[in-house]
Protein backbone atom coordinates (compact mmCIF):
# COMPACT_ATOMS: atom_id res chain seq x y z
CA UNK A 1 0.04 0.17 -0.10
CA UNK A 2 1.31 3.45 -0.85
CA UNK A 3 1.53 5.38 1.76
CA UNK A 4 0.27 9.31 1.02
CA UNK A 5 3.55 10.94 2.11
CA UNK A 6 5.59 8.69 -0.25
CA UNK A 7 3.23 9.23 -3.41
CA UNK A 8 4.67 11.03 -5.99
CA UNK A 9 2.89 12.02 -8.84
CA UNK A 10 5.94 12.68 -11.02
CA UNK A 11 7.37 9.22 -10.87
CA UNK A 12 4.34 8.48 -13.29
CA UNK A 13 4.61 10.65 -15.98
CA UNK A 14 5.97 8.51 -18.54
CA UNK A 15 3.82 9.18 -22.13
CA UNK A 16 3.26 4.95 -22.13
CA UNK A 17 1.87 4.63 -18.81
CA UNK A 18 -0.03 7.89 -18.29
CA UNK A 19 -3.56 6.10 -18.32
CA UNK A 20 -2.44 3.65 -15.83
CA UNK A 21 -0.90 6.55 -13.75
CA UNK A 22 -4.50 8.51 -14.08
CA UNK A 23 -6.18 5.27 -13.16
CA UNK A 24 -3.74 4.97 -10.14
CA UNK A 25 -4.29 8.30 -8.89
CA UNK A 26 -7.92 7.93 -9.14
CA UNK A 27 -7.74 4.46 -7.12
CA UNK A 28 -5.39 5.82 -4.88
CA UNK A 29 -7.55 8.55 -3.93
CA UNK A 30 -10.64 6.29 -3.59
CA UNK A 31 -8.82 4.00 -1.40
CA UNK A 32 -7.75 7.00 0.84
CA UNK A 33 -11.66 8.26 0.73
CA UNK A 34 -12.63 4.81 2.14
CA UNK A 35 -10.17 4.40 4.97
CA UNK A 36 -11.07 8.54 6.09
CA UNK A 37 -14.96 7.45 5.90
CA UNK A 38 -14.21 3.98 8.04
CA UNK A 39 -12.05 5.89 10.49
CA UNK A 40 -14.78 8.61 10.86
CA UNK A 41 -18.04 6.80 10.10
CA UNK A 42 -18.67 5.60 13.61
CA UNK A 43 -22.28 4.36 14.16
CA UNK A 44 -23.44 5.45 10.39
CA UNK A 45 -21.20 2.79 9.05
CA UNK A 46 -23.88 -0.47 10.55
CA UNK A 47 -26.65 1.14 8.54
CA UNK A 48 -25.12 1.17 5.13
CA UNK A 49 -23.46 -2.35 5.27
CA UNK A 50 -26.17 -3.93 2.76
CA UNK A 51 -24.98 -1.40 -0.22
CA UNK A 52 -21.62 -2.31 0.32
CA UNK A 53 -22.27 -5.96 -0.25
CA UNK A 54 -22.26 -5.64 -4.10
CA UNK A 55 -19.13 -3.31 -4.44
CA UNK A 56 -17.16 -5.91 -2.71
CA UNK A 57 -18.51 -8.82 -4.40
CA UNK A 58 -17.70 -6.98 -7.54
CA UNK A 59 -14.10 -6.36 -6.49
CA UNK A 60 -13.39 -10.08 -5.61
CA UNK A 61 -15.06 -11.27 -8.30
CA UNK A 62 -12.10 -9.65 -10.43
CA UNK A 63 -9.91 -12.49 -9.17
CA UNK A 64 -6.81 -10.29 -9.53
CA UNK A 65 -4.82 -10.72 -6.54
CA UNK A 66 -4.15 -7.12 -5.75
CA UNK A 67 -7.62 -5.96 -5.87
CA UNK A 68 -8.52 -9.03 -3.73
CA UNK A 69 -5.91 -8.09 -1.16
CA UNK A 70 -7.01 -4.21 -1.15
CA UNK A 71 -10.71 -5.51 -0.90
CA UNK A 72 -9.42 -7.56 1.98
CA UNK A 73 -7.75 -4.76 3.75
CA UNK A 74 -11.10 -2.51 3.30
CA UNK A 75 -13.17 -5.42 4.78
CA UNK A 76 -10.65 -5.56 7.78
CA UNK A 77 -10.83 -2.22 8.52
CA UNK A 78 -14.65 -1.90 7.95
CA UNK A 79 -14.93 -4.68 10.55
CA UNK A 80 -12.74 -2.86 12.83
CA UNK A 81 -14.21 0.19 12.50
CA UNK A 82 -17.41 -0.06 14.39
CA UNK A 83 -19.32 -1.98 16.95
CA UNK A 84 -21.89 -5.04 15.34
CA UNK A 85 -20.22 -4.72 11.62
CA UNK A 86 -18.91 -8.00 11.78
CA UNK A 87 -22.12 -10.17 12.94
CA UNK A 88 -23.88 -7.50 10.39
CA UNK A 89 -21.97 -9.34 7.63
CA UNK A 90 -23.03 -12.68 8.58
CA UNK A 91 -26.09 -12.92 5.91
CA UNK A 92 -23.75 -12.04 2.97
CA UNK A 93 -21.32 -14.65 3.67
CA UNK A 94 -22.37 -16.79 0.86
CA UNK A 95 -21.92 -14.03 -1.30
CA UNK A 96 -18.56 -13.26 -0.29
CA UNK A 97 -16.73 -16.17 0.76
CA UNK A 98 -16.46 -18.37 -2.29
CA UNK A 99 -14.41 -16.09 -4.41
CA UNK A 100 -12.65 -16.14 -1.23
CA UNK A 101 -12.14 -19.73 -1.41
CA UNK A 102 -10.86 -20.12 -5.01
CA UNK A 103 -8.26 -17.60 -3.54
CA UNK A 104 -6.91 -19.74 -0.80
CA UNK A 105 -7.13 -22.79 -2.89
CA UNK A 106 -4.58 -20.77 -5.42
CA UNK A 107 -2.68 -19.96 -2.24
CA UNK A 108 -2.34 -23.26 -1.23
CA UNK A 109 -1.43 -24.80 -4.45
CA UNK A 110 1.33 -22.50 -4.73
CA UNK A 111 2.81 -22.59 -1.49
CA UNK A 112 2.95 -26.61 -1.95
CA UNK A 113 4.85 -26.01 -5.19
CA UNK A 114 7.70 -24.80 -3.15
């Protein structure tokens, strides 16, 4: 994860990678915004849990390791950000866990190859 103070826009100026850099910058701004909202949301987080499930599921369904890892970090922050959030996620485990099981199987397979 890129820390805000370490992020330098200038290092992404190559013409061939300008579009990727723009997407990366947008992604970083969104990620910082997500973490800031979770940090300061308090009791306002719990009522919006149902609205977060589809974006979380879509992010996990990309099957891109980096996106899955970032999504898991956001889920971890989500669960620790307010009381009862973990319990509020229980009805949605059937939507979230299957893709994590696939990811786990890939990781175990790679680990056994060593």
